Amino acid sequence: MPVIKIFCPQAPAPAQAQQLGQTLHALCRELMHAQPDAIQVLLVPGTLMLGGQPLLVEAHYRDRPDRQGAVLTQFLQALDAAVQQAFGQAPRIRSFAIDQATLGAVR
């Protein structure tokens, strides 16, 4: 974990999508101190938004003291900038801190 999901009407060009994936992985490693094999980045094209922003980003991550405050703000701002660069428009971003005590996972 983290798991980042990007819901969009259509995917960006392949080169932009690849760059976005690399950027998001780097942000998770550098700012959130995530293990590389625990990072999931999903691009969900073909999403029909019936209201609100045409792009929605969800970021789920384990709640830890080192992922709060200024670090979380920096992560979300960098996530916003990376998505805007790939899609050319501002997304709506929602983040979800998951308490480790309530988290169950396989692999």
N, C-alpha and C. Protein backbone atom coordinates (compact mmCIF):
# COMPACT_ATOMS: atom_id res chain seq x y z
N MET A 1 0.86 -1.15 0.00
CA MET A 1 0.00 0.00 0.00
C MET A 1 0.90 1.22 0.00
N PRO A 2 0.71 2.23 -0.71
CA PRO A 2 -0.51 2.88 -1.15
C PRO A 2 -1.10 2.28 -2.44
N VAL A 3 -2.41 2.54 -2.58
CA VAL A 3 -3.13 2.19 -3.80
C VAL A 3 -3.69 3.49 -4.35
N ILE A 4 -3.31 3.81 -5.58
CA ILE A 4 -3.78 5.03 -6.23
C ILE A 4 -4.62 4.62 -7.43
N LYS A 5 -5.86 5.09 -7.46
CA LYS A 5 -6.79 4.78 -8.55
C LYS A 5 -7.15 6.09 -9.25
N ILE A 6 -7.01 6.09 -10.57
CA ILE A 6 -7.36 7.26 -11.36
C ILE A 6 -8.52 6.88 -12.28
N PHE A 7 -9.67 7.48 -12.03
CA PHE A 7 -10.87 7.25 -12.84
C PHE A 7 -10.97 8.39 -13.85
N CYS A 8 -11.05 8.04 -15.14
CA CYS A 8 -11.00 9.06 -16.19
C CYS A 8 -11.83 8.62 -17.39
N PRO A 9 -12.29 9.60 -18.20
CA PRO A 9 -13.05 9.24 -19.39
C PRO A 9 -12.20 8.46 -20.40
N GLN A 10 -10.95 8.87 -20.58
CA GLN A 10 -10.05 8.16 -21.49
C GLN A 10 -8.62 8.26 -20.97
N ALA A 11 -7.84 7.28 -21.31
CA ALA A 11 -6.44 7.24 -20.87
C ALA A 11 -5.63 8.28 -21.63
N PRO A 12 -4.58 8.80 -21.01
CA PRO A 12 -3.68 9.69 -21.75
C PRO A 12 -2.87 8.86 -22.76
N ALA A 13 -2.11 9.53 -23.58
CA ALA A 13 -1.24 8.82 -24.54
C ALA A 13 -0.35 7.85 -23.78
N PRO A 14 0.04 6.74 -24.41
CA PRO A 14 0.86 5.73 -23.72
C PRO A 14 2.12 6.29 -23.04
N ALA A 15 2.82 7.20 -23.69
CA ALA A 15 4.03 7.76 -23.08
C ALA A 15 3.69 8.57 -21.83
N GLN A 16 2.60 9.31 -21.87
CA GLN A 16 2.17 10.09 -20.71
C GLN A 16 1.73 9.17 -19.57
N ALA A 17 1.03 8.10 -19.91
CA ALA A 17 0.58 7.14 -18.89
C ALA A 17 1.78 6.48 -18.23
N GLN A 18 2.77 6.10 -19.01
CA GLN A 18 3.97 5.48 -18.46
C GLN A 18 4.71 6.46 -17.54
N GLN A 19 4.84 7.71 -17.97
CA GLN A 19 5.50 8.72 -17.14
C GLN A 19 4.73 8.96 -15.86
N LEU A 20 3.40 9.01 -15.95
CA LEU A 20 2.56 9.20 -14.77
C LEU A 20 2.77 8.05 -13.78
N GLY A 21 2.78 6.83 -14.27
CA GLY A 21 3.00 5.68 -13.39
C GLY A 21 4.35 5.75 -12.70
N GLN A 22 5.38 6.11 -13.43
CA GLN A 22 6.72 6.22 -12.84
C GLN A 22 6.76 7.34 -11.79
N THR A 23 6.14 8.46 -12.10
CA THR A 23 6.12 9.58 -11.16
C THR A 23 5.38 9.21 -9.88
N LEU A 24 4.24 8.54 -10.01
CA LEU A 24 3.46 8.18 -8.83
C LEU A 24 4.19 7.15 -7.98
N HIS A 25 4.85 6.20 -8.62
CA HIS A 25 5.66 5.23 -7.87
C HIS A 25 6.76 5.95 -7.09
N ALA A 26 7.41 6.90 -7.73
CA ALA A 26 8.49 7.65 -7.06
C ALA A 26 7.95 8.44 -5.88
N LEU A 27 6.79 9.08 -6.05
CA LEU A 27 6.19 9.83 -4.95
C LEU A 27 5.87 8.92 -3.76
N CYS A 28 5.35 7.75 -4.05
CA CYS A 28 5.01 6.81 -2.97
C CYS A 28 6.27 6.34 -2.24
N ARG A 29 7.33 6.08 -2.98
CA ARG A 29 8.58 5.64 -2.35
C ARG A 29 9.24 6.77 -1.57
N GLU A 30 9.34 7.94 -2.18
CA GLU A 30 10.10 9.04 -1.58
C GLU A 30 9.36 9.76 -0.46
N LEU A 31 8.08 10.05 -0.66
CA LEU A 31 7.34 10.82 0.33
C LEU A 31 6.62 9.94 1.35
N MET A 32 6.06 8.83 0.89
CA MET A 32 5.28 7.97 1.79
C MET A 32 6.11 6.80 2.32
N HIS A 33 7.35 6.69 1.86
CA HIS A 33 8.26 5.62 2.29
C HIS A 33 7.65 4.24 2.09
N ALA A 34 6.97 4.05 0.96
CA ALA A 34 6.34 2.78 0.64
C ALA A 34 7.35 1.81 0.03
N GLN A 35 7.14 0.54 0.31
CA GLN A 35 7.95 -0.51 -0.32
C GLN A 35 7.53 -0.60 -1.79
N PRO A 36 8.49 -0.67 -2.71
CA PRO A 36 8.14 -0.67 -4.14
C PRO A 36 7.15 -1.76 -4.54
N ASP A 37 7.25 -2.94 -3.95
CA ASP A 37 6.35 -4.02 -4.34
C ASP A 37 4.97 -3.90 -3.70
N ALA A 38 4.76 -2.90 -2.85
CA ALA A 38 3.46 -2.71 -2.20
C ALA A 38 2.64 -1.59 -2.86
N ILE A 39 3.20 -0.92 -3.86
CA ILE A 39 2.53 0.20 -4.52
C ILE A 39 1.67 -0.32 -5.67
N GLN A 40 0.43 0.12 -5.70
CA GLN A 40 -0.48 -0.21 -6.80
C GLN A 40 -0.96 1.10 -7.41
N VAL A 41 -0.85 1.23 -8.71
CA VAL A 41 -1.36 2.40 -9.43
C VAL A 41 -2.28 1.87 -10.51
N LEU A 42 -3.54 2.29 -10.46
CA LEU A 42 -4.54 1.83 -11.42
C LEU A 42 -5.07 3.00 -12.23
N LEU A 43 -5.18 2.81 -13.51
CA LEU A 43 -5.79 3.78 -14.41
C LEU A 43 -7.06 3.13 -14.91
N VAL A 44 -8.21 3.77 -14.65
CA VAL A 44 -9.51 3.20 -14.99
C VAL A 44 -10.16 4.09 -16.05
N PRO A 45 -9.77 3.91 -17.33
CA PRO A 45 -10.38 4.72 -18.39
C PRO A 45 -11.78 4.22 -18.69
N GLY A 46 -12.54 5.06 -19.35
CA GLY A 46 -13.90 4.69 -19.72
C GLY A 46 -14.90 4.98 -18.62
N THR A 47 -14.49 5.72 -17.60
CA THR A 47 -15.38 6.06 -16.50
C THR A 47 -16.26 7.24 -16.93
N LEU A 48 -17.55 7.06 -16.80
CA LEU A 48 -18.50 8.12 -17.14
C LEU A 48 -18.90 8.84 -15.85
N MET A 49 -18.38 10.04 -15.67
CA MET A 49 -18.72 10.83 -14.50
C MET A 49 -20.06 11.51 -14.74
N LEU A 50 -20.98 11.33 -13.85
CA LEU A 50 -22.31 11.92 -14.00
C LEU A 50 -22.43 13.28 -13.32
N GLY A 51 -21.38 13.70 -12.66
CA GLY A 51 -21.34 15.01 -12.02
C GLY A 51 -19.96 15.24 -11.44
N GLY A 52 -19.62 16.48 -11.18
CA GLY A 52 -18.33 16.78 -10.60
C GLY A 52 -17.23 16.81 -11.64
N GLN A 53 -16.00 16.75 -11.16
CA GLN A 53 -14.82 16.77 -12.03
C GLN A 53 -14.80 15.54 -12.93
N PRO A 54 -14.28 15.67 -14.16
CA PRO A 54 -14.20 14.51 -15.06
C PRO A 54 -13.10 13.52 -14.66
N LEU A 55 -12.19 13.93 -13.76
CA LEU A 55 -11.13 13.05 -13.26
C LEU A 55 -11.28 12.90 -11.76
N LEU A 56 -11.19 11.67 -11.28
CA LEU A 56 -11.24 11.40 -9.85
C LEU A 56 -10.05 10.54 -9.49
N VAL A 57 -9.32 10.95 -8.46
CA VAL A 57 -8.18 10.18 -7.97
C VAL A 57 -8.46 9.79 -6.52
N GLU A 58 -8.31 8.49 -6.23
CA GLU A 58 -8.41 8.00 -4.86
C GLU A 58 -7.05 7.48 -4.46
N ALA A 59 -6.59 7.90 -3.29
CA ALA A 59 -5.31 7.42 -2.76
C ALA A 59 -5.59 6.79 -1.40
N HIS A 60 -5.39 5.48 -1.31
CA HIS A 60 -5.54 4.73 -0.07
C HIS A 60 -4.15 4.38 0.43
N TYR A 61 -3.92 4.56 1.72
CA TYR A 61 -2.60 4.28 2.27
C TYR A 61 -2.72 3.89 3.74
N ARG A 62 -1.71 3.18 4.23
CA ARG A 62 -1.67 2.82 5.65
C ARG A 62 -1.44 4.09 6.47
N ASP A 63 -2.26 4.26 7.50
CA ASP A 63 -2.12 5.41 8.38
C ASP A 63 -0.92 5.19 9.30
N ARG A 64 0.06 6.07 9.18
CA ARG A 64 1.25 6.03 10.02
C ARG A 64 1.62 7.46 10.37
N PRO A 65 2.30 7.67 11.48
CA PRO A 65 2.68 9.04 11.86
C PRO A 65 3.52 9.76 10.80
N ASP A 66 4.34 9.02 10.05
CA ASP A 66 5.19 9.67 9.04
C ASP A 66 4.46 9.97 7.74
N ARG A 67 3.16 9.70 7.69
CA ARG A 67 2.35 9.97 6.50
C ARG A 67 1.23 10.97 6.82
N GLN A 68 1.50 11.87 7.72
CA GLN A 68 0.49 12.85 8.13
C GLN A 68 1.05 14.26 7.96
N GLY A 69 0.20 15.24 8.15
CA GLY A 69 0.61 16.64 8.16
C GLY A 69 1.25 17.10 6.86
N ALA A 70 2.42 17.71 7.00
CA ALA A 70 3.11 18.32 5.86
C ALA A 70 3.48 17.28 4.80
N VAL A 71 3.83 16.07 5.21
CA VAL A 71 4.20 15.03 4.24
C VAL A 71 2.99 14.67 3.38
N LEU A 72 1.85 14.49 4.01
CA LEU A 72 0.63 14.16 3.26
C LEU A 72 0.26 15.31 2.32
N THR A 73 0.36 16.54 2.80
CA THR A 73 0.06 17.70 1.96
C THR A 73 0.98 17.74 0.75
N GLN A 74 2.27 17.51 0.97
CA GLN A 74 3.24 17.51 -0.13
C GLN A 74 2.93 16.39 -1.12
N PHE A 75 2.59 15.21 -0.60
CA PHE A 75 2.23 14.08 -1.47
C PHE A 75 1.01 14.41 -2.33
N LEU A 76 -0.03 14.95 -1.72
CA LEU A 76 -1.26 15.25 -2.46
C LEU A 76 -1.04 16.35 -3.49
N GLN A 77 -0.23 17.35 -3.16
CA GLN A 77 0.07 18.41 -4.13
C GLN A 77 0.87 17.86 -5.30
N ALA A 78 1.82 16.99 -5.03
CA ALA A 78 2.61 16.39 -6.11
C ALA A 78 1.76 15.44 -6.95
N LEU A 79 0.86 14.71 -6.31
CA LEU A 79 -0.08 13.84 -7.03
C LEU A 79 -0.96 14.68 -7.96
N ASP A 80 -1.47 15.78 -7.45
CA ASP A 80 -2.30 16.69 -8.24
C ASP A 80 -1.53 17.20 -9.46
N ALA A 81 -0.30 17.64 -9.25
CA ALA A 81 0.51 18.17 -10.35
C ALA A 81 0.80 17.09 -11.40
N ALA A 82 1.10 15.88 -10.97
CA ALA A 82 1.41 14.80 -11.90
C ALA A 82 0.19 14.44 -12.76
N VAL A 83 -0.98 14.37 -12.12
CA VAL A 83 -2.20 14.04 -12.87
C VAL A 83 -2.56 15.17 -13.82
N GLN A 84 -2.41 16.41 -13.38
CA GLN A 84 -2.70 17.54 -14.28
C GLN A 84 -1.77 17.53 -15.48
N GLN A 85 -0.51 17.20 -15.26
CA GLN A 85 0.43 17.16 -16.38
C GLN A 85 0.05 16.06 -17.38
N ALA A 86 -0.38 14.92 -16.89
CA ALA A 86 -0.73 13.81 -17.78
C ALA A 86 -2.03 14.03 -18.54
N PHE A 87 -3.01 14.66 -17.87
CA PHE A 87 -4.34 14.79 -18.46
C PHE A 87 -4.68 16.20 -18.93
N GLY A 88 -3.91 17.20 -18.50
CA GLY A 88 -4.19 18.56 -18.90
C GLY A 88 -5.38 19.18 -18.21
N GLN A 89 -5.81 18.59 -17.09
CA GLN A 89 -6.90 19.17 -16.31
C GLN A 89 -6.79 18.74 -14.86
N ALA A 90 -7.43 19.52 -14.00
CA ALA A 90 -7.34 19.27 -12.57
C ALA A 90 -8.28 18.15 -12.14
N PRO A 91 -7.78 17.21 -11.32
CA PRO A 91 -8.63 16.14 -10.81
C PRO A 91 -9.25 16.50 -9.47
N ARG A 92 -10.26 15.78 -9.09
CA ARG A 92 -10.72 15.78 -7.70
C ARG A 92 -9.95 14.66 -7.03
N ILE A 93 -9.32 14.93 -5.90
CA ILE A 93 -8.50 13.94 -5.21
C ILE A 93 -9.08 13.69 -3.83
N ARG A 94 -9.21 12.42 -3.49
CA ARG A 94 -9.65 12.02 -2.17
C ARG A 94 -8.61 11.04 -1.62
N SER A 95 -8.20 11.27 -0.37
CA SER A 95 -7.23 10.37 0.25
C SER A 95 -7.88 9.67 1.44
N PHE A 96 -7.47 8.43 1.65
CA PHE A 96 -8.05 7.59 2.69
C PHE A 96 -6.93 6.94 3.48
N ALA A 97 -6.78 7.35 4.74
CA ALA A 97 -5.80 6.74 5.63
C ALA A 97 -6.45 5.52 6.28
N ILE A 98 -5.87 4.35 6.06
CA ILE A 98 -6.43 3.11 6.56
C ILE A 98 -5.69 2.70 7.82
N ASP A 99 -6.41 2.52 8.91
CA ASP A 99 -5.83 2.06 10.17
C ASP A 99 -5.31 0.63 9.98
N GLN A 100 -4.06 0.42 10.30
CA GLN A 100 -3.45 -0.90 10.12
C GLN A 100 -4.20 -1.99 10.88
N ALA A 101 -4.82 -1.64 12.01
CA ALA A 101 -5.56 -2.62 12.79
C ALA A 101 -6.79 -3.14 12.05
N THR A 102 -7.29 -2.36 11.09
CA THR A 102 -8.49 -2.78 10.35
C THR A 102 -8.15 -3.28 8.94
N LEU A 103 -6.87 -3.29 8.60
CA LEU A 103 -6.44 -3.65 7.26
C LEU A 103 -6.14 -5.13 7.17
N GLY A 104 -6.75 -5.77 6.21
CA GLY A 104 -6.42 -7.16 5.91
C GLY A 104 -5.93 -7.22 4.48
N ALA A 105 -4.90 -7.99 4.23
CA ALA A 105 -4.33 -8.05 2.88
C ALA A 105 -3.63 -9.38 2.66
N VAL A 106 -3.61 -9.80 1.42
CA VAL A 106 -2.82 -10.96 1.00
C VAL A 106 -1.84 -10.44 -0.04
N ARG A 107 -0.57 -10.61 0.21
CA ARG A 107 0.53 -10.14 -0.61
C ARG A 107 0.62 -8.66 -0.58
